[in-house]
PDB file of N, CA and C in Angstrom:
ATOM      1  N   MET A   1     104.771  89.409  43.530  1.00  0.00           N
ATOM      2  CA  MET A   1     105.844  90.367  43.734  1.00  0.00           C
ATOM      3  C   MET A   1     105.232  91.712  44.121  1.00  0.00           C
ATOM      4  N   MET A   2     105.817  92.332  45.151  1.00  0.00           N
ATOM      5  CA  MET A   2     105.305  93.611  45.646  1.00  0.00           C
ATOM      6  C   MET A   2     105.872  94.752  44.820  1.00  0.00           C
ATOM      7  N   ASN A   3     105.035  95.740  44.585  1.00  0.00           N
ATOM      8  CA  ASN A   3     105.556  96.899  43.872  1.00  0.00           C
ATOM      9  C   ASN A   3     106.234  97.847  44.862  1.00  0.00           C
ATOM     10  N   GLY A   4     106.960  98.810  44.397  1.00  0.00           N
ATOM     11  CA  GLY A   4     107.710  99.729  45.245  1.00  0.00           C
ATOM     12  C   GLY A   4     106.830 100.592  46.120  1.00  0.00           C
ATOM     13  N   ARG A   5     105.629 100.893  45.652  1.00  0.00           N
ATOM     14  CA  ARG A   5     104.734 101.764  46.410  1.00  0.00           C
ATOM     15  C   ARG A   5     104.223 101.076  47.676  1.00  0.00           C
ATOM     16  N   SER A   6     103.803  99.809  47.604  1.00  0.00           N
ATOM     17  CA  SER A   6     103.307  99.105  48.790  1.00  0.00           C
ATOM     18  C   SER A   6     104.439  98.830  49.766  1.00  0.00           C
ATOM     19  N   LEU A   7     105.637  98.578  49.278  1.00  0.00           N
ATOM     20  CA  LEU A   7     106.794  98.373  50.144  1.00  0.00           C
ATOM     21  C   LEU A   7     107.127  99.667  50.881  1.00  0.00           C
ATOM     22  N   TYR A   8     107.046 100.793  50.178  1.00  0.00           N
ATOM     23  CA  TYR A   8     107.308 102.084  50.794  1.00  0.00           C
ATOM     24  C   TYR A   8     106.276 102.383  51.873  1.00  0.00           C
ATOM     25  N   SER A   9     105.040 102.074  51.634  1.00  0.00           N
ATOM     26  CA  SER A   9     103.983 102.316  52.608  1.00  0.00           C
ATOM     27  C   SER A   9     104.173 101.466  53.851  1.00  0.00           C
ATOM     28  N   ALA A  10     104.527 100.216  53.688  1.00  0.00           N
ATOM     29  CA  ALA A  10     104.727  99.316  54.820  1.00  0.00           C
ATOM     30  C   ALA A  10     105.936  99.751  55.642  1.00  0.00           C
ATOM     31  N   SER A  11     107.020 100.091  54.991  1.00  0.00           N
ATOM     32  CA  SER A  11     108.214 100.510  55.736  1.00  0.00           C
ATOM     33  C   SER A  11     107.992 101.872  56.397  1.00  0.00           C
ATOM     34  N   GLY A  12     107.251 102.728  55.737  1.00  0.00           N
ATOM     35  CA  GLY A  12     106.925 104.024  56.329  1.00  0.00           C
ATOM     36  C   GLY A  12     106.053 103.864  57.566  1.00  0.00           C
ATOM     37  N   LEU A  13     105.109 102.949  57.501  1.00  0.00           N
ATOM     38  CA  LEU A  13     104.233 102.683  58.646  1.00  0.00           C
ATOM     39  C   LEU A  13     105.037 102.114  59.811  1.00  0.00           C
ATOM     40  N   VAL A  14     105.934 101.206  59.531  1.00  0.00           N
ATOM     41  CA  VAL A  14     106.787 100.627  60.579  1.00  0.00           C
ATOM     42  C   VAL A  14     107.660 101.710  61.199  1.00  0.00           C
ATOM     43  N   ALA A  15     108.216 102.587  60.378  1.00  0.00           N
ATOM     44  CA  ALA A  15     109.065 103.664  60.894  1.00  0.00           C
ATOM     45  C   ALA A  15     108.268 104.612  61.789  1.00  0.00           C
ATOM     46  N   VAL A  16     107.044 104.926  61.403  1.00  0.00           N
ATOM     47  CA  VAL A  16     106.207 105.811  62.214  1.00  0.00           C
ATOM     48  C   VAL A  16     105.872 105.149  63.550  1.00  0.00           C
ATOM     49  N   VAL A  17     105.536 103.859  63.528  1.00  0.00           N
ATOM     50  CA  VAL A  17     105.216 103.142  64.760  1.00  0.00           C
ATOM     51  C   VAL A  17     106.436 103.092  65.679  1.00  0.00           C
ATOM     52  N   VAL A  18     107.606 102.813  65.149  1.00  0.00           N
ATOM     53  CA  VAL A  18     108.830 102.772  65.952  1.00  0.00           C
ATOM     54  C   VAL A  18     109.132 104.148  66.521  1.00  0.00           C
ATOM     55  N   LEU A  19     108.975 105.194  65.714  1.00  0.00           N
ATOM     56  CA  LEU A  19     109.216 106.558  66.187  1.00  0.00           C
ATOM     57  C   LEU A  19     108.265 106.918  67.330  1.00  0.00           C
ATOM     58  N   LEU A  20     106.983 106.587  67.199  1.00  0.00           N
ATOM     59  CA  LEU A  20     106.023 106.867  68.263  1.00  0.00           C
ATOM     60  C   LEU A  20     106.346 106.084  69.533  1.00  0.00           C
ATOM     61  N   LEU A  21     106.789 104.854  69.386  1.00  0.00           N
ATOM     62  CA  LEU A  21     107.168 104.036  70.537  1.00  0.00           C
ATOM     63  C   LEU A  21     108.374 104.640  71.256  1.00  0.00           C
ATOM     64  N   VAL A  22     109.364 105.082  70.511  1.00  0.00           N
ATOM     65  CA  VAL A  22     110.556 105.703  71.107  1.00  0.00           C
ATOM     66  C   VAL A  22     110.180 107.006  71.818  1.00  0.00           C
ATOM     67  N   ILE A  23     109.344 107.821  71.197  1.00  0.00           N
ATOM     68  CA  ILE A  23     108.910 109.076  71.821  1.00  0.00           C
ATOM     69  C   ILE A  23     108.153 108.785  73.111  1.00  0.00           C
ATOM     70  N   ASN A  24     107.286 107.794  73.079  1.00  0.00           N
ATOM     71  CA  ASN A  24     106.519 107.430  74.267  1.00  0.00           C
ATOM     72  C   ASN A  24     107.434 106.966  75.397  1.00  0.00           C
ATOM     73  N   LEU A  25     108.397 106.116  75.101  1.00  0.00           N
ATOM     74  CA  LEU A  25     109.318 105.624  76.126  1.00  0.00           C
ATOM     75  C   LEU A  25     110.183 106.748  76.695  1.00  0.00           C
ATOM     76  N   LEU A  26     110.708 107.599  75.830  1.00  0.00           N
ATOM     77  CA  LEU A  26     111.548 108.708  76.298  1.00  0.00           C
ATOM     78  C   LEU A  26     110.758 109.698  77.143  1.00  0.00           C
ATOM     79  N   SER A  27     109.555 110.028  76.718  1.00  0.00           N
ATOM     80  CA  SER A  27     108.757 110.969  77.512  1.00  0.00           C
ATOM     81  C   SER A  27     108.392 110.359  78.854  1.00  0.00           C
ATOM     82  N   GLY A  28     108.150 109.062  78.898  1.00  0.00           N
ATOM     83  CA  GLY A  28     107.864 108.389  80.164  1.00  0.00           C
ATOM     84  C   GLY A  28     109.036 108.451  81.121  1.00  0.00           C
ATOM     85  N   MET A  29     110.246 108.320  80.595  1.00  0.00           N
ATOM     86  CA  MET A  29     111.435 108.367  81.448  1.00  0.00           C
ATOM     87  C   MET A  29     111.789 109.797  81.851  1.00  0.00           C
ATOM     88  N   LEU A  30     111.707 110.732  80.934  1.00  0.00           N
ATOM     89  CA  LEU A  30     112.135 112.104  81.202  1.00  0.00           C
ATOM     90  C   LEU A  30     111.122 112.888  82.029  1.00  0.00           C
ATOM     91  N   LEU A  31     109.856 112.596  81.882  1.00  0.00           N
ATOM     92  CA  LEU A  31     108.809 113.357  82.566  1.00  0.00           C
ATOM     93  C   LEU A  31     108.179 112.576  83.712  1.00  0.00           C
ATOM     94  N   LYS A  32     108.898 111.610  84.241  1.00  0.00           N
ATOM     95  CA  LYS A  32     108.352 110.707  85.253  1.00  0.00           C
ATOM     96  C   LYS A  32     107.841 111.431  86.496  1.00  0.00           C
ATOM     97  N   GLY A  33     108.575 112.367  87.044  1.00  0.00           N
ATOM     98  CA  GLY A  33     108.191 113.039  88.277  1.00  0.00           C
ATOM     99  C   GLY A  33     107.343 114.282  88.071  1.00  0.00           C
ATOM    100  N   LEU A  34     107.054 114.625  86.837  1.00  0.00           N
ATOM    101  CA  LEU A  34     106.301 115.831  86.530  1.00  0.00           C
ATOM    102  C   LEU A  34     104.816 115.598  86.751  1.00  0.00           C
ATOM    103  N   LYS A  35     104.184 116.479  87.541  1.00  0.00           N
ATOM    104  CA  LYS A  35     102.768 116.332  87.851  1.00  0.00           C
ATOM    105  C   LYS A  35     102.068 117.665  87.656  1.00  0.00           C
ATOM    106  N   PHE A  36     100.845 117.582  87.162  1.00  0.00           N
ATOM    107  CA  PHE A  36     100.005 118.757  86.998  1.00  0.00           C
ATOM    108  C   PHE A  36      98.680 118.502  87.696  1.00  0.00           C
ATOM    109  N   ASP A  37      98.262 119.427  88.525  1.00  0.00           N
ATOM    110  CA  ASP A  37      96.962 119.328  89.176  1.00  0.00           C
ATOM    111  C   ASP A  37      95.998 120.220  88.408  1.00  0.00           C
ATOM    112  N   MET A  38      95.188 119.595  87.578  1.00  0.00           N
ATOM    113  CA  MET A  38      94.270 120.356  86.744  1.00  0.00           C
ATOM    114  C   MET A  38      92.843 120.300  87.282  1.00  0.00           C
ATOM    115  N   THR A  39      92.676 119.870  88.536  1.00  0.00           N
ATOM    116  CA  THR A  39      91.344 119.835  89.128  1.00  0.00           C
ATOM    117  C   THR A  39      90.915 121.254  89.503  1.00  0.00           C
ATOM    118  N   ALA A  40      89.624 121.496  89.509  1.00  0.00           N
ATOM    119  CA  ALA A  40      89.096 122.832  89.774  1.00  0.00           C
ATOM    120  C   ALA A  40      89.465 123.320  91.172  1.00  0.00           C
ATOM    121  N   ASP A  41      89.431 122.440  92.150  1.00  0.00           N
ATOM    122  CA  ASP A  41      89.702 122.836  93.534  1.00  0.00           C
ATOM    123  C   ASP A  41      91.117 122.504  93.986  1.00  0.00           C
ATOM    124  N   ARG A  42      91.996 122.205  93.041  1.00  0.00           N
ATOM    125  CA  ARG A  42      93.401 121.842  93.343  1.00  0.00           C
ATOM    126  C   ARG A  42      93.445 120.722  94.386  1.00  0.00           C
ATOM    127  N   LEU A  43      92.699 119.658  94.124  1.00  0.00           N
ATOM    128  CA  LEU A  43      92.583 118.541  95.061  1.00  0.00           C
ATOM    129  C   LEU A  43      93.912 117.842  95.309  1.00  0.00           C
ATOM    130  N   TYR A  44      94.802 117.862  94.329  1.00  0.00           N
ATOM    131  CA  TYR A  44      96.044 117.103  94.439  1.00  0.00           C
ATOM    132  C   TYR A  44      97.268 117.986  94.673  1.00  0.00           C
ATOM    133  N   THR A  45      97.045 119.211  95.089  1.00  0.00           N
ATOM    134  CA  THR A  45      98.151 120.117  95.374  1.00  0.00           C
ATOM    135  C   THR A  45      98.314 120.249  96.880  1.00  0.00           C
ATOM    136  N   LEU A  46      99.511 119.939  97.360  1.00  0.00           N
ATOM    137  CA  LEU A  46      99.794 120.052  98.788  1.00  0.00           C
ATOM    138  C   LEU A  46     100.222 121.473  99.122  1.00  0.00           C
ATOM    139  N   ALA A  47      99.835 121.922 100.291  1.00  0.00           N
ATOM    140  CA  ALA A  47     100.243 123.250 100.753  1.00  0.00           C
ATOM    141  C   ALA A  47     101.753 123.277 100.963  1.00  0.00           C
ATOM    142  N   GLU A  48     102.328 124.448 100.843  1.00  0.00           N
ATOM    143  CA  GLU A  48     103.774 124.610 101.011  1.00  0.00           C
ATOM    144  C   GLU A  48     104.232 124.146 102.400  1.00  0.00           C
ATOM    145  N   GLY A  49     103.429 124.451 103.422  1.00  0.00           N
ATOM    146  CA  GLY A  49     103.768 124.021 104.780  1.00  0.00           C
ATOM    147  C   GLY A  49     103.797 122.509 104.910  1.00  0.00           C
ATOM    148  N   THR A  50     102.842 121.838 104.271  1.00  0.00           N
ATOM    149  CA  THR A  50     102.809 120.373 104.303  1.00  0.00           C
ATOM    150  C   THR A  50     104.044 119.804 103.627  1.00  0.00           C
ATOM    151  N   GLN A  51     104.391 120.350 102.478  1.00  0.00           N
ATOM    152  CA  GLN A  51     105.587 119.891 101.769  1.00  0.00           C
ATOM    153  C   GLN A  51     106.835 120.098 102.621  1.00  0.00           C
ATOM    154  N   ASN A  52     106.925 121.224 103.286  1.00  0.00           N
ATOM    155  CA  ASN A  52     108.080 121.529 104.128  1.00  0.00           C
ATOM    156  C   ASN A  52     108.189 120.522 105.277  1.00  0.00           C
ATOM    157  N   ILE A  53     107.077 120.216 105.923  1.00  0.00           N
ATOM    158  CA  ILE A  53     107.096 119.242 107.022  1.00  0.00           C
ATOM    159  C   ILE A  53     107.534 117.880 106.514  1.00  0.00           C
ATOM    160  N   LEU A  54     106.971 117.458 105.388  1.00  0.00           N
ATOM    161  CA  LEU A  54     107.299 116.134 104.848  1.00  0.00           C
ATOM    162  C   LEU A  54     108.772 116.025 104.450  1.00  0.00           C
ATOM    163  N   GLU A  55     109.328 117.080 103.919  1.00  0.00           N
ATOM    164  CA  GLU A  55     110.726 117.059 103.471  1.00  0.00           C
ATOM    165  C   GLU A  55     111.715 117.125 104.624  1.00  0.00           C
ATOM    166  N   HIS A  56     111.277 117.583 105.800  1.00  0.00           N
ATOM    167  CA  HIS A  56     112.204 117.774 106.920  1.00  0.00           C
ATOM    168  C   HIS A  56     111.844 116.943 108.152  1.00  0.00           C
ATOM    169  N   LEU A  57     111.263 115.786 107.953  1.00  0.00           N
ATOM    170  CA  LEU A  57     110.966 114.914 109.088  1.00  0.00           C
ATOM    171  C   LEU A  57     112.265 114.453 109.735  1.00  0.00           C
ATOM    172  N   ASP A  58     112.289 114.434 111.071  1.00  0.00           N
ATOM    173  CA  ASP A  58     113.505 114.058 111.800  1.00  0.00           C
ATOM    174  C   ASP A  58     113.647 112.557 112.018  1.00  0.00           C
ATOM    175  N   GLU A  59     112.526 111.862 112.043  1.00  0.00           N
ATOM    176  CA  GLU A  59     112.584 110.426 112.299  1.00  0.00           C
ATOM    177  C   GLU A  59     111.569 109.711 111.416  1.00  0.00           C
ATOM    178  N   PRO A  60     111.773 108.408 111.209  1.00  0.00           N
ATOM    179  CA  PRO A  60     110.868 107.652 110.348  1.00  0.00           C
ATOM    180  C   PRO A  60     109.456 107.552 110.923  1.00  0.00           C
ATOM    181  N   VAL A  61     108.476 107.551 110.035  1.00  0.00           N
ATOM    182  CA  VAL A  61     107.071 107.444 110.396  1.00  0.00           C
ATOM    183  C   VAL A  61     106.457 106.331 109.540  1.00  0.00           C
ATOM    184  N   THR A  62     105.643 105.496 110.164  1.00  0.00           N
ATOM    185  CA  THR A  62     104.913 104.462 109.434  1.00  0.00           C
ATOM    186  C   THR A  62     103.432 104.795 109.471  1.00  0.00           C
ATOM    187  N   LEU A  63     102.827 104.851 108.298  1.00  0.00           N
ATOM    188  CA  LEU A  63     101.397 105.111 108.181  1.00  0.00           C
ATOM    189  C   LEU A  63     100.701 103.815 107.788  1.00  0.00           C
ATOM    190  N   ASN A  64      99.713 103.407 108.573  1.00  0.00           N
ATOM    191  CA  ASN A  64      98.904 102.237 108.247  1.00  0.00           C
ATOM    192  C   ASN A  64      97.588 102.720 107.650  1.00  0.00           C
ATOM    193  N   PHE A  65      97.299 102.276 106.449  1.00  0.00           N
ATOM    194  CA  PHE A  65      96.060 102.644 105.759  1.00  0.00           C
ATOM    195  C   PHE A  65      95.176 101.414 105.668  1.00  0.00           C
ATOM    196  N   TYR A  66      94.068 101.433 106.380  1.00  0.00           N
ATOM    197  CA  TYR A  66      93.129 100.326 106.407  1.00  0.00           C
ATOM    198  C   TYR A  66      91.980 100.632 105.448  1.00  0.00           C
ATOM    199  N   PHE A  67      91.849  99.826 104.411  1.00  0.00           N
ATOM    200  CA  PHE A  67      90.766 100.031 103.450  1.00  0.00           C
ATOM    201  C   PHE A  67      90.481  98.722 102.720  1.00  0.00           C
ATOM    202  N   SER A  68      89.243  98.323 102.721  1.00  0.00           N
ATOM    203  CA  SER A  68      88.828  97.094 102.059  1.00  0.00           C
ATOM    204  C   SER A  68      88.282  97.420 100.679  1.00  0.00           C
ATOM    205  N   GLU A  69      89.105  97.271  99.654  1.00  0.00           N
ATOM    206  CA  GLU A  69      88.663  97.552  98.290  1.00  0.00           C
ATOM    207  C   GLU A  69      87.541  96.605  97.882  1.00  0.00           C
ATOM    208  N   LYS A  70      87.638  95.365  98.311  1.00  0.00           N
ATOM    209  CA  LYS A  70      86.618  94.369  97.969  1.00  0.00           C
ATOM    210  C   LYS A  70      85.259  94.771  98.540  1.00  0.00           C
ATOM    211  N   LEU A  71      85.241  95.228  99.761  1.00  0.00           N
ATOM    212  CA  LEU A  71      83.996  95.592 100.422  1.00  0.00           C
ATOM    213  C   LEU A  71      83.332  96.801  99.755  1.00  0.00           C
ATOM    214  N   PHE A  72      84.138  97.753  99.308  1.00  0.00           N
ATOM    215  CA  PHE A  72      83.582  98.983  98.758  1.00  0.00           C
ATOM    216  C   PHE A  72      83.552  99.018  97.231  1.00  0.00           C
ATOM    217  N   SER A  73      83.862  97.916  96.577  1.00  0.00           N
ATOM    218  CA  SER A  73      83.818  97.905  95.111  1.00  0.00           C
ATOM    219  C   SER A  73      82.403  98.153  94.594  1.00  0.00           C
ATOM    220  N   ALA A  74      81.387  97.806  95.380  1.00  0.00           N
ATOM    221  CA  ALA A  74      80.001  98.034  94.979  1.00  0.00           C
ATOM    222  C   ALA A  74      79.525  99.457  95.295  1.00  0.00           C
ATOM    223  N   THR A  75      80.341 100.222  96.013  1.00  0.00           N
ATOM    224  CA  THR A  75      79.994 101.602  96.371  1.00  0.00           C
ATOM    225  C   THR A  75      81.041 102.535  95.759  1.00  0.00           C
ATOM    226  N   PRO A  76      80.819 102.967  94.517  1.00  0.00           N
ATOM    227  CA  PRO A  76      81.834 103.746  93.810  1.00  0.00           C
ATOM    228  C   PRO A  76      82.289 105.014  94.526  1.00  0.00           C
ATOM    229  N   ALA A  77      81.386 105.709  95.206  1.00  0.00           N
ATOM    230  CA  ALA A  77      81.774 106.964  95.873  1.00  0.00           C
ATOM    231  C   ALA A  77      82.805 106.698  96.967  1.00  0.00           C
ATOM    232  N   ILE A  78      82.596 105.657  97.751  1.00  0.00           N
ATOM    233  CA  ILE A  78      83.548 105.342  98.824  1.00  0.00           C
ATOM    234  C   ILE A  78      84.836 104.766  98.238  1.00  0.00           C
ATOM    235  N   ALA A  79      84.707 103.948  97.192  1.00  0.00           N
ATOM    236  CA  ALA A  79      85.899 103.390  96.548  1.00  0.00           C
ATOM    237  C   ALA A  79      86.775 104.503  95.969  1.00  0.00           C
ATOM    238  N   THR A  80      86.140 105.502  95.354  1.00  0.00           N
ATOM    239  CA  THR A  80      86.884 106.640  94.798  1.00  0.00           C
ATOM    240  C   THR A  80      87.539 107.448  95.903  1.00  0.00           C
ATOM    241  N   TYR A  81      86.819 107.658  96.986  1.00  0.00           N
ATOM    242  CA  TYR A  81      87.377 108.393  98.123  1.00  0.00           C
ATOM    243  C   TYR A  81      88.585 107.643  98.704  1.00  0.00           C
ATOM    244  N   GLY A  82      88.456 106.329  98.857  1.00  0.00           N
ATOM    245  CA  GLY A  82      89.571 105.523  99.355  1.00  0.00           C
ATOM    246  C   GLY A  82      90.782 105.614  98.449  1.00  0.00           C
ATOM    247  N   LYS A  83      90.552 105.635  97.147  1.00  0.00           N
ATOM    248  CA  LYS A  83      91.655 105.766  96.189  1.00  0.00           C
ATOM    249  C   LYS A  83      92.335 107.127  96.334  1.00  0.00           C
ATOM    250  N   ARG A  84      91.528 108.185  96.510  1.00  0.00           N
ATOM    251  CA  ARG A  84      92.112 109.525  96.687  1.00  0.00           C
ATOM    252  C   ARG A  84      92.942 109.622  97.952  1.00  0.00           C
ATOM    253  N   VAL A  85      92.454 109.014  99.046  1.00  0.00           N
ATOM    254  CA  VAL A  85      93.210 109.035 100.302  1.00  0.00           C
ATOM    255  C   VAL A  85      94.527 108.285 100.120  1.00  0.00           C
ATOM    256  N   ARG A  86      94.467 107.128  99.471  1.00  0.00           N
ATOM    257  CA  ARG A  86      95.688 106.348  99.252  1.00  0.00           C
ATOM    258  C   ARG A  86      96.690 107.133  98.390  1.00  0.00           C
ATOM    259  N   GLU A  87      96.223 107.784  97.341  1.00  0.00           N
ATOM    260  CA  GLU A  87      97.106 108.583  96.488  1.00  0.00           C
ATOM    261  C   GLU A  87      97.732 109.730  97.269  1.00  0.00           C
ATOM    262  N   LEU A  88      96.972 110.350  98.175  1.00  0.00           N
ATOM    263  CA  LEU A  88      97.506 111.418  99.012  1.00  0.00           C
ATOM    264  C   LEU A  88      98.618 110.880  99.916  1.00  0.00           C
ATOM    265  N   LEU A  89      98.368 109.734 100.528  1.00  0.00           N
ATOM    266  CA  LEU A  89      99.389 109.135 101.393  1.00  0.00           C
ATOM    267  C   LEU A  89     100.630 108.740 100.594  1.00  0.00           C
ATOM    268  N   GLU A  90     100.433 108.255  99.375  1.00  0.00           N
ATOM    269  CA  GLU A  90     101.579 107.927  98.512  1.00  0.00           C
ATOM    270  C   GLU A  90     102.370 109.177  98.151  1.00  0.00           C
ATOM    271  N   GLU A  91     101.687 110.299  97.988  1.00  0.00           N
ATOM    272  CA  GLU A  91     102.375 111.572  97.736  1.00  0.00           C
ATOM    273  C   GLU A  91     103.200 111.975  98.953  1.00  0.00           C
ATOM    274  N   TYR A  92     102.650 111.776 100.146  1.00  0.00           N
ATOM    275  CA  TYR A  92     103.413 112.035 101.373  1.00  0.00           C
ATOM    276  C   TYR A  92     104.683 111.205 101.381  1.00  0.00           C
ATOM    277  N   VAL A  93     104.570 109.939 101.025  1.00  0.00           N
ATOM    278  CA  VAL A  93     105.736 109.050 101.003  1.00  0.00           C
ATOM    279  C   VAL A  93     106.779 109.570 100.020  1.00  0.00           C
ATOM    280  N   SER A  94     106.343 109.978  98.840  1.00  0.00           N
ATOM    281  CA  SER A  94     107.300 110.420  97.821  1.00  0.00           C
ATOM    282  C   SER A  94     108.019 111.707  98.202  1.00  0.00           C
ATOM    283  N   LEU A  95     107.386 112.559  99.021  1.00  0.00           N
ATOM    284  CA  LEU A  95     108.014 113.822  99.416  1.00  0.00           C
ATOM    285  C   LEU A  95     108.818 113.723 100.713  1.00  0.00           C
ATOM    286  N   SER A  96     108.778 112.573 101.377  1.00  0.00           N
ATOM    287  CA  SER A  96     109.365 112.467 102.715  1.00  0.00           C
ATOM    288  C   SER A  96     110.840 112.070 102.738  1.00  0.00           C
ATOM    289  N   ASN A  97     111.466 111.973 101.593  1.00  0.00           N
ATOM    290  CA  ASN A  97     112.876 111.570 101.526  1.00  0.00           C
ATOM    291  C   ASN A  97     113.126 110.243 102.239  1.00  0.00           C
ATOM    292  N   GLY A  98     112.187 109.320 102.098  1.00  0.00           N
ATOM    293  CA  GLY A  98     112.347 107.994 102.686  1.00  0.00           C
ATOM    294  C   GLY A  98     111.977 107.891 104.148  1.00  0.00           C
ATOM    295  N   ASN A  99     111.472 108.962 104.751  1.00  0.00           N
ATOM    296  CA  ASN A  99     111.133 108.935 106.181  1.00  0.00           C
ATOM    297  C   ASN A  99     109.721 108.455 106.475  1.00  0.00           C
ATOM    298  N   ILE A 100     108.883 108.309 105.446  1.00  0.00           N
ATOM    299  CA  ILE A 100     107.533 107.787 105.663  1.00  0.00           C
ATOM    300  C   ILE A 100     107.397 106.471 104.916  1.00  0.00           C
ATOM    301  N   THR A 101     106.867 105.485 105.626  1.00  0.00           N
ATOM    302  CA  THR A 101     106.552 104.193 105.031  1.00  0.00           C
ATOM    303  C   THR A 101     105.040 104.022 105.080  1.00  0.00           C
ATOM    304  N   LEU A 102     104.456 103.674 103.951  1.00  0.00           N
ATOM    305  CA  LEU A 102     103.018 103.446 103.885  1.00  0.00           C
ATOM    306  C   LEU A 102     102.760 101.947 103.861  1.00  0.00           C
ATOM    307  N   VAL A 103     101.932 101.484 104.792  1.00  0.00           N
ATOM    308  CA  VAL A 103     101.531 100.080 104.834  1.00  0.00           C
ATOM    309  C   VAL A 103     100.028 100.043 104.562  1.00  0.00           C
ATOM    310  N   VAL A 104      99.652  99.437 103.449  1.00  0.00           N
ATOM    311  CA  VAL A 104      98.251  99.337 103.077  1.00  0.00           C
ATOM    312  C   VAL A 104      97.724  98.002 103.588  1.00  0.00           C
ATOM    313  N   LYS A 105      96.656  98.077 104.362  1.00  0.00           N
ATOM    314  CA  LYS A 105      96.084  96.870 104.958  1.00  0.00           C
ATOM    315  C   LYS A 105      94.647  96.717 104.491  1.00  0.00           C
ATOM    316  N   ASN A 106      94.301  95.492 104.143  1.00  0.00           N
ATOM    317  CA  ASN A 106      92.968  95.167 103.663  1.00  0.00           C
ATOM    318  C   ASN A 106      92.276  94.308 104.713  1.00  0.00           C
ATOM    319  N   PRO A 107      91.546  94.931 105.630  1.00  0.00           N
ATOM    320  CA  PRO A 107      90.964  94.174 106.741  1.00  0.00           C
ATOM    321  C   PRO A 107      89.769  93.309 106.313  1.00  0.00           C
ATOM    322  N   GLU A 108      90.018  92.049 106.128  1.00  0.00           N
ATOM    323  CA  GLU A 108      88.947  91.091 105.859  1.00  0.00           C
ATOM    324  C   GLU A 108      88.285  90.726 107.178  1.00  0.00           C
ATOM    325  N   PRO A 109      87.017  90.322 107.139  1.00  0.00           N
ATOM    326  CA  PRO A 109      86.345  89.910 108.379  1.00  0.00           C
ATOM    327  C   PRO A 109      87.096  88.768 109.075  1.00  0.00           C
ATOM    328  N   PHE A 110      87.244  88.885 110.380  1.00  0.00           N
ATOM    329  CA  PHE A 110      87.881  87.885 111.239  1.00  0.00           C
ATOM    330  C   PHE A 110      89.364  87.670 110.899  1.00  0.00           C
ATOM    331  N   SER A 111      90.021  88.680 110.354  1.00  0.00           N
ATOM    332  CA  SER A 111      91.441  88.575 110.010  1.00  0.00           C
ATOM    333  C   SER A 111      92.283  89.315 111.040  1.00  0.00           C
ATOM    334  N   ASP A 112      93.612  89.101 110.966  1.00  0.00           N
ATOM    335  CA  ASP A 112      94.531  89.825 111.845  1.00  0.00           C
ATOM    336  C   ASP A 112      94.453  91.333 111.603  1.00  0.00           C
ATOM    337  N   GLU A 113      94.272  91.721 110.319  1.00  0.00           N
ATOM    338  CA  GLU A 113      94.168  93.148 109.996  1.00  0.00           C
ATOM    339  C   GLU A 113      92.925  93.763 110.632  1.00  0.00           C
ATOM    340  N   GLU A 114      91.824  93.012 110.658  1.00  0.00           N
ATOM    341  CA  GLU A 114      90.612  93.529 111.288  1.00  0.00           C
ATOM    342  C   GLU A 114      90.814  93.667 112.796  1.00  0.00           C
ATOM    343  N   ALA A 115      91.455  92.681 113.405  1.00  0.00           N
ATOM    344  CA  ALA A 115      91.716  92.747 114.852  1.00  0.00           C
ATOM    345  C   ALA A 115      92.633  93.930 115.173  1.00  0.00           C
ATOM    346  N   GLU A 116      93.620  94.147 114.326  1.00  0.00           N
ATOM    347  CA  GLU A 116      94.536  95.277 114.520  1.00  0.00           C
ATOM    348  C   GLU A 116      93.793  96.602 114.398  1.00  0.00           C
ATOM    349  N   ALA A 117      92.919  96.724 113.405  1.00  0.00           N
ATOM    350  CA  ALA A 117      92.130  97.951 113.230  1.00  0.00           C
ATOM    351  C   ALA A 117      91.231  98.185 114.439  1.00  0.00           C
ATOM    352  N   MET A 118      90.663  97.125 114.967  1.00  0.00           N
ATOM    353  CA  MET A 118      89.814  97.257 116.153  1.00  0.00           C
ATOM    354  C   MET A 118      90.648  97.666 117.361  1.00  0.00           C
ATOM    355  N   TYR A 119      91.876  97.174 117.444  1.00  0.00           N
ATOM    356  CA  TYR A 119      92.765  97.554 118.538  1.00  0.00           C
ATOM    357  C   TYR A 119      93.007  99.067 118.526  1.00  0.00           C
ATOM    358  N   TYR A 120      93.145  99.630 117.336  1.00  0.00           N
ATOM    359  CA  TYR A 120      93.345 101.081 117.198  1.00  0.00           C
ATOM    360  C   TYR A 120      92.022 101.852 117.222  1.00  0.00           C
ATOM    361  N   ARG A 121      90.935 101.154 117.537  1.00  0.00           N
ATOM    362  CA  ARG A 121      89.598 101.731 117.671  1.00  0.00           C
ATOM    363  C   ARG A 121      89.058 102.322 116.386  1.00  0.00           C
ATOM    364  N   LEU A 122      89.465 101.721 115.268  1.00  0.00           N
ATOM    365  CA  LEU A 122      88.913 102.115 113.982  1.00  0.00           C
ATOM    366  C   LEU A 122      87.591 101.384 113.793  1.00  0.00           C
ATOM    367  N   GLN A 123      86.637 102.068 113.233  1.00  0.00           N
ATOM    368  CA  GLN A 123      85.323 101.463 113.044  1.00  0.00           C
ATOM    369  C   GLN A 123      85.041 101.344 111.548  1.00  0.00           C
ATOM    370  N   GLY A 124      84.466 100.211 111.181  1.00  0.00           N
ATOM    371  CA  GLY A 124      84.079 100.002 109.802  1.00  0.00           C
ATOM    372  C   GLY A 124      82.849 100.787 109.437  1.00  0.00           C
ATOM    373  N   ILE A 125      82.701 101.041 108.176  1.00  0.00           N
ATOM    374  CA  ILE A 125      81.519 101.773 107.696  1.00  0.00           C
ATOM    375  C   ILE A 125      80.456 100.762 107.304  1.00  0.00           C
TER     376      ILE A 125
END
């Protein structure tokens, strides 16, 4: 038989866990679009002019991003750079009011994506 003290501790622990879960879910929903750029060089802050252009595009634009994550997984500097470029393009999409579509392509050797990249005169590193 459990004494009142251990029952109180268990129920208190469950209540704290549930409270933290609810706070986490609510903050995730309420603060979803909130972003802070805390980098020293403001790497993730777009200029006001860029934001203005993205918000007032007159016609739809499709951006093709060619990047082989598999190929550069062994080269962290290039993989990180590719991730930053992709995040920047995703930010463009989010600010464009639906006028920009991002298509991410992973050009494998001898694939249609590689042939397409070559057609646009893109060169691999």
